[in-house]
mmCIF file of all heavy atoms, coordinates in Angstrom:
data_MODEL
# 
_entry.id   MODEL 
# 
loop_
_atom_site.group_PDB 
_atom_site.id 
_atom_site.type_symbol 
_atom_site.label_atom_id 
_atom_site.label_alt_id 
_atom_site.label_comp_id 
_atom_site.label_asym_id 
_atom_site.label_entity_id 
_atom_site.label_seq_id 
_atom_site.pdbx_PDB_ins_code 
_atom_site.Cartn_x 
_atom_site.Cartn_y 
_atom_site.Cartn_z 
_atom_site.occupancy 
_atom_site.B_iso_or_equiv 
_atom_site.pdbx_formal_charge 
_atom_site.auth_seq_id 
_atom_site.auth_comp_id 
_atom_site.auth_asym_id 
_atom_site.auth_atom_id 
_atom_site.pdbx_PDB_model_num 
ATOM 1   N N   . LYS A 1 1  ? -85.939 21.957 -94.922  1.00 0.00 ? 1  LYS A N   1 
ATOM 2   C CA  . LYS A 1 1  ? -86.519 21.400 -93.695  1.00 0.00 ? 1  LYS A CA  1 
ATOM 3   C C   . LYS A 1 1  ? -88.031 21.265 -93.871  1.00 0.00 ? 1  LYS A C   1 
ATOM 4   O O   . LYS A 1 1  ? -88.709 22.180 -94.334  1.00 0.00 ? 1  LYS A O   1 
ATOM 5   C CB  . LYS A 1 1  ? -86.230 22.296 -92.491  1.00 0.00 ? 1  LYS A CB  1 
ATOM 6   C CG  . LYS A 1 1  ? -86.758 21.729 -91.177  1.00 0.00 ? 1  LYS A CG  1 
ATOM 7   C CD  . LYS A 1 1  ? -86.313 22.548 -89.991  1.00 0.00 ? 1  LYS A CD  1 
ATOM 8   C CE  . LYS A 1 1  ? -86.958 22.064 -88.691  1.00 0.00 ? 1  LYS A CE  1 
ATOM 9   N NZ  . LYS A 1 1  ? -86.700 20.632 -88.421  1.00 0.00 ? 1  LYS A NZ  1 
ATOM 10  N N   . GLY A 1 2  ? -88.556 20.090 -93.506  1.00 0.00 ? 2  GLY A N   1 
ATOM 11  C CA  . GLY A 1 2  ? -89.984 19.842 -93.653  1.00 0.00 ? 2  GLY A CA  1 
ATOM 12  C C   . GLY A 1 2  ? -90.393 19.333 -95.023  1.00 0.00 ? 2  GLY A C   1 
ATOM 13  O O   . GLY A 1 2  ? -91.588 19.224 -95.316  1.00 0.00 ? 2  GLY A O   1 
ATOM 14  N N   . SER A 1 3  ? -89.409 18.981 -95.853  1.00 0.00 ? 3  SER A N   1 
ATOM 15  C CA  . SER A 1 3  ? -89.722 18.487 -97.205  1.00 0.00 ? 3  SER A CA  1 
ATOM 16  C C   . SER A 1 3  ? -89.905 16.974 -97.197  1.00 0.00 ? 3  SER A C   1 
ATOM 17  O O   . SER A 1 3  ? -89.680 16.294 -96.188  1.00 0.00 ? 3  SER A O   1 
ATOM 18  C CB  . SER A 1 3  ? -88.615 18.886 -98.180  1.00 0.00 ? 3  SER A CB  1 
ATOM 19  O OG  . SER A 1 3  ? -87.371 18.351 -97.769  1.00 0.00 ? 3  SER A OG  1 
ATOM 20  N N   . PHE A 1 4  ? -90.313 16.453 -98.352  1.00 0.00 ? 4  PHE A N   1 
ATOM 21  C CA  . PHE A 1 4  ? -90.606 15.034 -98.508  1.00 0.00 ? 4  PHE A CA  1 
ATOM 22  C C   . PHE A 1 4  ? -89.683 14.426 -99.567  1.00 0.00 ? 4  PHE A C   1 
ATOM 23  O O   . PHE A 1 4  ? -89.369 15.072 -100.566 1.00 0.00 ? 4  PHE A O   1 
ATOM 24  C CB  . PHE A 1 4  ? -92.062 14.825 -98.939  1.00 0.00 ? 4  PHE A CB  1 
ATOM 25  C CG  . PHE A 1 4  ? -93.068 15.296 -97.928  1.00 0.00 ? 4  PHE A CG  1 
ATOM 26  C CD1 . PHE A 1 4  ? -93.527 16.613 -97.960  1.00 0.00 ? 4  PHE A CD1 1 
ATOM 27  C CD2 . PHE A 1 4  ? -93.557 14.444 -96.956  1.00 0.00 ? 4  PHE A CD2 1 
ATOM 28  C CE1 . PHE A 1 4  ? -94.458 17.061 -97.034  1.00 0.00 ? 4  PHE A CE1 1 
ATOM 29  C CE2 . PHE A 1 4  ? -94.490 14.882 -96.023  1.00 0.00 ? 4  PHE A CE2 1 
ATOM 30  C CZ  . PHE A 1 4  ? -94.931 16.194 -96.056  1.00 0.00 ? 4  PHE A CZ  1 
ATOM 31  N N   . PHE A 1 5  ? -89.291 13.163 -99.332  1.00 0.00 ? 5  PHE A N   1 
ATOM 32  C CA  . PHE A 1 5  ? -88.421 12.442 -100.260 1.00 0.00 ? 5  PHE A CA  1 
ATOM 33  C C   . PHE A 1 5  ? -89.122 11.174 -100.719 1.00 0.00 ? 5  PHE A C   1 
ATOM 34  O O   . PHE A 1 5  ? -89.674 10.430 -99.907  1.00 0.00 ? 5  PHE A O   1 
ATOM 35  C CB  . PHE A 1 5  ? -87.099 12.081 -99.578  1.00 0.00 ? 5  PHE A CB  1 
ATOM 36  C CG  . PHE A 1 5  ? -86.190 11.236 -100.426 1.00 0.00 ? 5  PHE A CG  1 
ATOM 37  C CD1 . PHE A 1 5  ? -85.503 11.785 -101.493 1.00 0.00 ? 5  PHE A CD1 1 
ATOM 38  C CD2 . PHE A 1 5  ? -86.016 9.884  -100.149 1.00 0.00 ? 5  PHE A CD2 1 
ATOM 39  C CE1 . PHE A 1 5  ? -84.664 11.006 -102.278 1.00 0.00 ? 5  PHE A CE1 1 
ATOM 40  C CE2 . PHE A 1 5  ? -85.183 9.097  -100.921 1.00 0.00 ? 5  PHE A CE2 1 
ATOM 41  C CZ  . PHE A 1 5  ? -84.503 9.662  -101.989 1.00 0.00 ? 5  PHE A CZ  1 
ATOM 42  N N   . LEU A 1 6  ? -89.110 10.931 -102.037 1.00 0.00 ? 6  LEU A N   1 
ATOM 43  C CA  . LEU A 1 6  ? -89.699 9.722  -102.620 1.00 0.00 ? 6  LEU A CA  1 
ATOM 44  C C   . LEU A 1 6  ? -88.649 9.017  -103.462 1.00 0.00 ? 6  LEU A C   1 
ATOM 45  O O   . LEU A 1 6  ? -87.868 9.667  -104.162 1.00 0.00 ? 6  LEU A O   1 
ATOM 46  C CB  . LEU A 1 6  ? -90.889 10.053 -103.532 1.00 0.00 ? 6  LEU A CB  1 
ATOM 47  C CG  . LEU A 1 6  ? -92.233 10.445 -102.920 1.00 0.00 ? 6  LEU A CG  1 
ATOM 48  C CD1 . LEU A 1 6  ? -92.184 11.838 -102.304 1.00 0.00 ? 6  LEU A CD1 1 
ATOM 49  C CD2 . LEU A 1 6  ? -93.329 10.403 -103.990 1.00 0.00 ? 6  LEU A CD2 1 
ATOM 50  N N   . ASN A 1 7  ? -88.660 7.686  -103.440 1.00 0.00 ? 7  ASN A N   1 
ATOM 51  C CA  . ASN A 1 7  ? -87.773 6.913  -104.307 1.00 0.00 ? 7  ASN A CA  1 
ATOM 52  C C   . ASN A 1 7  ? -88.494 5.686  -104.821 1.00 0.00 ? 7  ASN A C   1 
ATOM 53  O O   . ASN A 1 7  ? -88.915 4.818  -104.051 1.00 0.00 ? 7  ASN A O   1 
ATOM 54  C CB  . ASN A 1 7  ? -86.504 6.486  -103.569 1.00 0.00 ? 7  ASN A CB  1 
ATOM 55  C CG  . ASN A 1 7  ? -85.498 5.824  -104.496 1.00 0.00 ? 7  ASN A CG  1 
ATOM 56  O OD1 . ASN A 1 7  ? -85.534 6.023  -105.709 1.00 0.00 ? 7  ASN A OD1 1 
ATOM 57  N ND2 . ASN A 1 7  ? -84.583 5.046  -103.930 1.00 0.00 ? 7  ASN A ND2 1 
ATOM 58  N N   . VAL A 1 8  ? -88.652 5.629  -106.158 1.00 0.00 ? 8  VAL A N   1 
ATOM 59  C CA  . VAL A 1 8  ? -89.225 4.443  -106.801 1.00 0.00 ? 8  VAL A CA  1 
ATOM 60  C C   . VAL A 1 8  ? -88.291 3.904  -107.880 1.00 0.00 ? 8  VAL A C   1 
ATOM 61  O O   . VAL A 1 8  ? -88.669 3.012  -108.634 1.00 0.00 ? 8  VAL A O   1 
ATOM 62  C CB  . VAL A 1 8  ? -90.609 4.749  -107.425 1.00 0.00 ? 8  VAL A CB  1 
ATOM 63  C CG1 . VAL A 1 8  ? -91.608 5.175  -106.367 1.00 0.00 ? 8  VAL A CG1 1 
ATOM 64  C CG2 . VAL A 1 8  ? -90.494 5.805  -108.527 1.00 0.00 ? 8  VAL A CG2 1 
ATOM 65  N N   . GLY A 1 9  ? -87.071 4.468  -107.954 1.00 0.00 ? 9  GLY A N   1 
ATOM 66  C CA  . GLY A 1 9  ? -86.131 4.045  -108.989 1.00 0.00 ? 9  GLY A CA  1 
ATOM 67  C C   . GLY A 1 9  ? -85.362 2.814  -108.563 1.00 0.00 ? 9  GLY A C   1 
ATOM 68  O O   . GLY A 1 9  ? -85.772 1.686  -108.824 1.00 0.00 ? 9  GLY A O   1 
ATOM 69  N N   . ARG A 1 10 ? -84.245 3.026  -107.890 1.00 0.00 ? 10 ARG A N   1 
ATOM 70  C CA  . ARG A 1 10 ? -83.436 1.923  -107.366 1.00 0.00 ? 10 ARG A CA  1 
ATOM 71  C C   . ARG A 1 10 ? -83.003 2.262  -105.949 1.00 0.00 ? 10 ARG A C   1 
ATOM 72  O O   . ARG A 1 10 ? -82.652 3.402  -105.634 1.00 0.00 ? 10 ARG A O   1 
ATOM 73  C CB  . ARG A 1 10 ? -82.205 1.679  -108.247 1.00 0.00 ? 10 ARG A CB  1 
ATOM 74  C CG  . ARG A 1 10 ? -82.526 0.962  -109.556 1.00 0.00 ? 10 ARG A CG  1 
ATOM 75  C CD  . ARG A 1 10 ? -83.020 -0.458 -109.303 1.00 0.00 ? 10 ARG A CD  1 
ATOM 76  N NE  . ARG A 1 10 ? -83.335 -1.179 -110.534 1.00 0.00 ? 10 ARG A NE  1 
ATOM 77  C CZ  . ARG A 1 10 ? -84.540 -1.239 -111.082 1.00 0.00 ? 10 ARG A CZ  1 
ATOM 78  N NH1 . ARG A 1 10 ? -85.548 -0.588 -110.518 1.00 0.00 ? 10 ARG A NH1 1 
ATOM 79  N NH2 . ARG A 1 10 ? -84.741 -1.946 -112.176 1.00 0.00 ? 10 ARG A NH2 1 
ATOM 80  N N   . GLY A 1 11 ? -83.011 1.257  -105.091 1.00 0.00 ? 11 GLY A N   1 
ATOM 81  C CA  . GLY A 1 11 ? -82.704 1.469  -103.687 1.00 0.00 ? 11 GLY A CA  1 
ATOM 82  C C   . GLY A 1 11 ? -81.292 1.940  -103.433 1.00 0.00 ? 11 GLY A C   1 
ATOM 83  O O   . GLY A 1 11 ? -81.041 2.660  -102.461 1.00 0.00 ? 11 GLY A O   1 
ATOM 84  N N   . ASP A 1 12 ? -80.351 1.543  -104.307 1.00 0.00 ? 12 ASP A N   1 
ATOM 85  C CA  . ASP A 1 12 ? -78.954 1.902  -104.031 1.00 0.00 ? 12 ASP A CA  1 
ATOM 86  C C   . ASP A 1 12 ? -78.654 3.376  -104.265 1.00 0.00 ? 12 ASP A C   1 
ATOM 87  O O   . ASP A 1 12 ? -77.533 3.826  -104.055 1.00 0.00 ? 12 ASP A O   1 
ATOM 88  C CB  . ASP A 1 12 ? -77.994 1.003  -104.815 1.00 0.00 ? 12 ASP A CB  1 
ATOM 89  C CG  . ASP A 1 12 ? -78.126 1.120  -106.331 1.00 0.00 ? 12 ASP A CG  1 
ATOM 90  O OD1 . ASP A 1 12 ? -78.827 2.035  -106.812 1.00 0.00 ? 12 ASP A OD1 1 
ATOM 91  O OD2 . ASP A 1 12 ? -77.524 0.280  -107.040 1.00 0.00 ? 12 ASP A OD2 1 
ATOM 92  N N   . LEU A 1 13 ? -79.645 4.154  -104.673 1.00 0.00 ? 13 LEU A N   1 
ATOM 93  C CA  . LEU A 1 13 ? -79.492 5.609  -104.703 1.00 0.00 ? 13 LEU A CA  1 
ATOM 94  C C   . LEU A 1 13 ? -79.277 6.161  -103.304 1.00 0.00 ? 13 LEU A C   1 
ATOM 95  O O   . LEU A 1 13 ? -78.608 7.177  -103.113 1.00 0.00 ? 13 LEU A O   1 
ATOM 96  C CB  . LEU A 1 13 ? -80.749 6.244  -105.303 1.00 0.00 ? 13 LEU A CB  1 
ATOM 97  C CG  . LEU A 1 13 ? -80.795 7.770  -105.327 1.00 0.00 ? 13 LEU A CG  1 
ATOM 98  C CD1 . LEU A 1 13 ? -80.301 8.289  -106.662 1.00 0.00 ? 13 LEU A CD1 1 
ATOM 99  C CD2 . LEU A 1 13 ? -82.193 8.294  -105.025 1.00 0.00 ? 13 LEU A CD2 1 
ATOM 100 N N   . VAL A 1 14 ? -79.843 5.479  -102.289 1.00 0.00 ? 14 VAL A N   1 
ATOM 101 C CA  . VAL A 1 14 ? -80.007 6.040  -100.951 1.00 0.00 ? 14 VAL A CA  1 
ATOM 102 C C   . VAL A 1 14 ? -79.043 5.428  -99.940  1.00 0.00 ? 14 VAL A C   1 
ATOM 103 O O   . VAL A 1 14 ? -78.898 4.202  -99.868  1.00 0.00 ? 14 VAL A O   1 
ATOM 104 C CB  . VAL A 1 14 ? -81.462 5.839  -100.460 1.00 0.00 ? 14 VAL A CB  1 
ATOM 105 C CG1 . VAL A 1 14 ? -81.652 6.373  -99.044  1.00 0.00 ? 14 VAL A CG1 1 
ATOM 106 C CG2 . VAL A 1 14 ? -82.434 6.522  -101.416 1.00 0.00 ? 14 VAL A CG2 1 
ATOM 107 N N   . ASP A 1 15 ? -78.418 6.288  -99.143  1.00 0.00 ? 15 ASP A N   1 
ATOM 108 C CA  . ASP A 1 15 ? -77.743 5.882  -97.919  1.00 0.00 ? 15 ASP A CA  1 
ATOM 109 C C   . ASP A 1 15 ? -78.840 5.806  -96.857  1.00 0.00 ? 15 ASP A C   1 
ATOM 110 O O   . ASP A 1 15 ? -79.289 6.822  -96.341  1.00 0.00 ? 15 ASP A O   1 
ATOM 111 C CB  . ASP A 1 15 ? -76.682 6.917  -97.545  1.00 0.00 ? 15 ASP A CB  1 
ATOM 112 C CG  . ASP A 1 15 ? -75.968 6.602  -96.236  1.00 0.00 ? 15 ASP A CG  1 
ATOM 113 O OD1 . ASP A 1 15 ? -76.524 5.867  -95.394  1.00 0.00 ? 15 ASP A OD1 1 
ATOM 114 O OD2 . ASP A 1 15 ? -74.867 7.122  -96.025  1.00 0.00 ? 15 ASP A OD2 1 
ATOM 115 N N   . THR A 1 16 ? -79.290 4.598  -96.569  1.00 0.00 ? 16 THR A N   1 
ATOM 116 C CA  . THR A 1 16 ? -80.471 4.437  -95.719  1.00 0.00 ? 16 THR A CA  1 
ATOM 117 C C   . THR A 1 16 ? -80.234 4.908  -94.292  1.00 0.00 ? 16 THR A C   1 
ATOM 118 O O   . THR A 1 16 ? -81.146 5.427  -93.643  1.00 0.00 ? 16 THR A O   1 
ATOM 119 C CB  . THR A 1 16 ? -80.941 2.970  -95.727  1.00 0.00 ? 16 THR A CB  1 
ATOM 120 O OG1 . THR A 1 16 ? -81.030 2.520  -97.086  1.00 0.00 ? 16 THR A OG1 1 
ATOM 121 C CG2 . THR A 1 16 ? -82.325 2.834  -95.090  1.00 0.00 ? 16 THR A CG2 1 
ATOM 122 N N   . ASP A 1 17 ? -79.019 4.760  -93.793  1.00 0.00 ? 17 ASP A N   1 
ATOM 123 C CA  . ASP A 1 17 ? -78.712 5.281  -92.456  1.00 0.00 ? 17 ASP A CA  1 
ATOM 124 C C   . ASP A 1 17 ? -78.870 6.805  -92.431  1.00 0.00 ? 17 ASP A C   1 
ATOM 125 O O   . ASP A 1 17 ? -79.409 7.366  -91.470  1.00 0.00 ? 17 ASP A O   1 
ATOM 126 C CB  . ASP A 1 17 ? -77.289 4.899  -92.047  1.00 0.00 ? 17 ASP A CB  1 
ATOM 127 C CG  . ASP A 1 17 ? -77.140 3.420  -91.765  1.00 0.00 ? 17 ASP A CG  1 
ATOM 128 O OD1 . ASP A 1 17 ? -78.170 2.759  -91.511  1.00 0.00 ? 17 ASP A OD1 1 
ATOM 129 O OD2 . ASP A 1 17 ? -75.998 2.923  -91.799  1.00 0.00 ? 17 ASP A OD2 1 
ATOM 130 N N   . ALA A 1 18 ? -78.409 7.466  -93.486  1.00 0.00 ? 18 ALA A N   1 
ATOM 131 C CA  . ALA A 1 18 ? -78.535 8.927  -93.560  1.00 0.00 ? 18 ALA A CA  1 
ATOM 132 C C   . ALA A 1 18 ? -79.997 9.337  -93.656  1.00 0.00 ? 18 ALA A C   1 
ATOM 133 O O   . ALA A 1 18 ? -80.416 10.341 -93.055  1.00 0.00 ? 18 ALA A O   1 
ATOM 134 C CB  . ALA A 1 18 ? -77.762 9.454  -94.763  1.00 0.00 ? 18 ALA A CB  1 
ATOM 135 N N   . LEU A 1 19 ? -80.787 8.561  -94.385  1.00 0.00 ? 19 LEU A N   1 
ATOM 136 C CA  . LEU A 1 19 ? -82.219 8.853  -94.479  1.00 0.00 ? 19 LEU A CA  1 
ATOM 137 C C   . LEU A 1 19 ? -82.891 8.700  -93.118  1.00 0.00 ? 19 LEU A C   1 
ATOM 138 O O   . LEU A 1 19 ? -83.693 9.548  -92.711  1.00 0.00 ? 19 LEU A O   1 
ATOM 139 C CB  . LEU A 1 19 ? -82.877 7.923  -95.500  1.00 0.00 ? 19 LEU A CB  1 
ATOM 140 C CG  . LEU A 1 19 ? -84.403 8.016  -95.604  1.00 0.00 ? 19 LEU A CG  1 
ATOM 141 C CD1 . LEU A 1 19 ? -84.852 9.423  -95.992  1.00 0.00 ? 19 LEU A CD1 1 
ATOM 142 C CD2 . LEU A 1 19 ? -84.929 6.985  -96.603  1.00 0.00 ? 19 LEU A CD2 1 
ATOM 143 N N   . CYS A 1 20 ? -82.552 7.640  -92.404  1.00 0.00 ? 20 CYS A N   1 
ATOM 144 C CA  . CYS A 1 20 ? -83.127 7.436  -91.069  1.00 0.00 ? 20 CYS A CA  1 
ATOM 145 C C   . CYS A 1 20 ? -82.774 8.601  -90.139  1.00 0.00 ? 20 CYS A C   1 
ATOM 146 O O   . CYS A 1 20 ? -83.613 9.062  -89.351  1.00 0.00 ? 20 CYS A O   1 
ATOM 147 C CB  . CYS A 1 20 ? -82.632 6.115  -90.481  1.00 0.00 ? 20 CYS A CB  1 
ATOM 148 S SG  . CYS A 1 20 ? -83.367 4.634  -91.220  1.00 0.00 ? 20 CYS A SG  1 
ATOM 149 N N   . GLN A 1 21 ? -81.546 9.079  -90.243  1.00 0.00 ? 21 GLN A N   1 
ATOM 150 C CA  . GLN A 1 21 ? -81.134 10.217 -89.405  1.00 0.00 ? 21 GLN A CA  1 
ATOM 151 C C   . GLN A 1 21 ? -81.930 11.467 -89.751  1.00 0.00 ? 21 GLN A C   1 
ATOM 152 O O   . GLN A 1 21 ? -82.341 12.221 -88.863  1.00 0.00 ? 21 GLN A O   1 
ATOM 153 C CB  . GLN A 1 21 ? -79.636 10.468 -89.592  1.00 0.00 ? 21 GLN A CB  1 
ATOM 154 C CG  . GLN A 1 21 ? -78.739 9.380  -89.012  1.00 0.00 ? 21 GLN A CG  1 
ATOM 155 C CD  . GLN A 1 21 ? -77.283 9.548  -89.419  1.00 0.00 ? 21 GLN A CD  1 
ATOM 156 O OE1 . GLN A 1 21 ? -76.880 10.602 -89.913  1.00 0.00 ? 21 GLN A OE1 1 
ATOM 157 N NE2 . GLN A 1 21 ? -76.484 8.504  -89.228  1.00 0.00 ? 21 GLN A NE2 1 
ATOM 158 N N   . ALA A 1 22 ? -82.163 11.692 -91.037  1.00 0.00 ? 22 ALA A N   1 
ATOM 159 C CA  . ALA A 1 22 ? -82.917 12.872 -91.472  1.00 0.00 ? 22 ALA A CA  1 
ATOM 160 C C   . ALA A 1 22 ? -84.368 12.801 -91.021  1.00 0.00 ? 22 ALA A C   1 
ATOM 161 O O   . ALA A 1 22 ? -84.989 13.822 -90.696  1.00 0.00 ? 22 ALA A O   1 
ATOM 162 C CB  . ALA A 1 22 ? -82.840 13.010 -92.990  1.00 0.00 ? 22 ALA A CB  1 
ATOM 163 N N   . LEU A 1 23 ? -84.923 11.598 -90.965  1.00 0.00 ? 23 LEU A N   1 
ATOM 164 C CA  . LEU A 1 23 ? -86.289 11.416 -90.465  1.00 0.00 ? 23 LEU A CA  1 
ATOM 165 C C   . LEU A 1 23 ? -86.337 11.574 -88.948  1.00 0.00 ? 23 LEU A C   1 
ATOM 166 O O   . LEU A 1 23 ? -87.230 12.225 -88.410  1.00 0.00 ? 23 LEU A O   1 
ATOM 167 C CB  . LEU A 1 23 ? -86.821 10.043 -90.875  1.00 0.00 ? 23 LEU A CB  1 
ATOM 168 C CG  . LEU A 1 23 ? -87.145 9.848  -92.357  1.00 0.00 ? 23 LEU A CG  1 
ATOM 169 C CD1 . LEU A 1 23 ? -87.388 8.371  -92.654  1.00 0.00 ? 23 LEU A CD1 1 
ATOM 170 C CD2 . LEU A 1 23 ? -88.358 10.675 -92.776  1.00 0.00 ? 23 LEU A CD2 1 
ATOM 171 N N   . ALA A 1 24 ? -85.379 10.961 -88.256  1.00 0.00 ? 24 ALA A N   1 
ATOM 172 C CA  . ALA A 1 24 ? -85.375 11.003 -86.792  1.00 0.00 ? 24 ALA A CA  1 
ATOM 173 C C   . ALA A 1 24 ? -85.189 12.420 -86.263  1.00 0.00 ? 24 ALA A C   1 
ATOM 174 O O   . ALA A 1 24 ? -85.788 12.798 -85.240  1.00 0.00 ? 24 ALA A O   1 
ATOM 175 C CB  . ALA A 1 24 ? -84.262 10.099 -86.251  1.00 0.00 ? 24 ALA A CB  1 
# 
């Protein structure tokens, strides 16, 4: 909790909906 996530590789690594939920 309170950590940071970075991605500069490929976008398909990420479930973007799940990322949005984790940010929200």
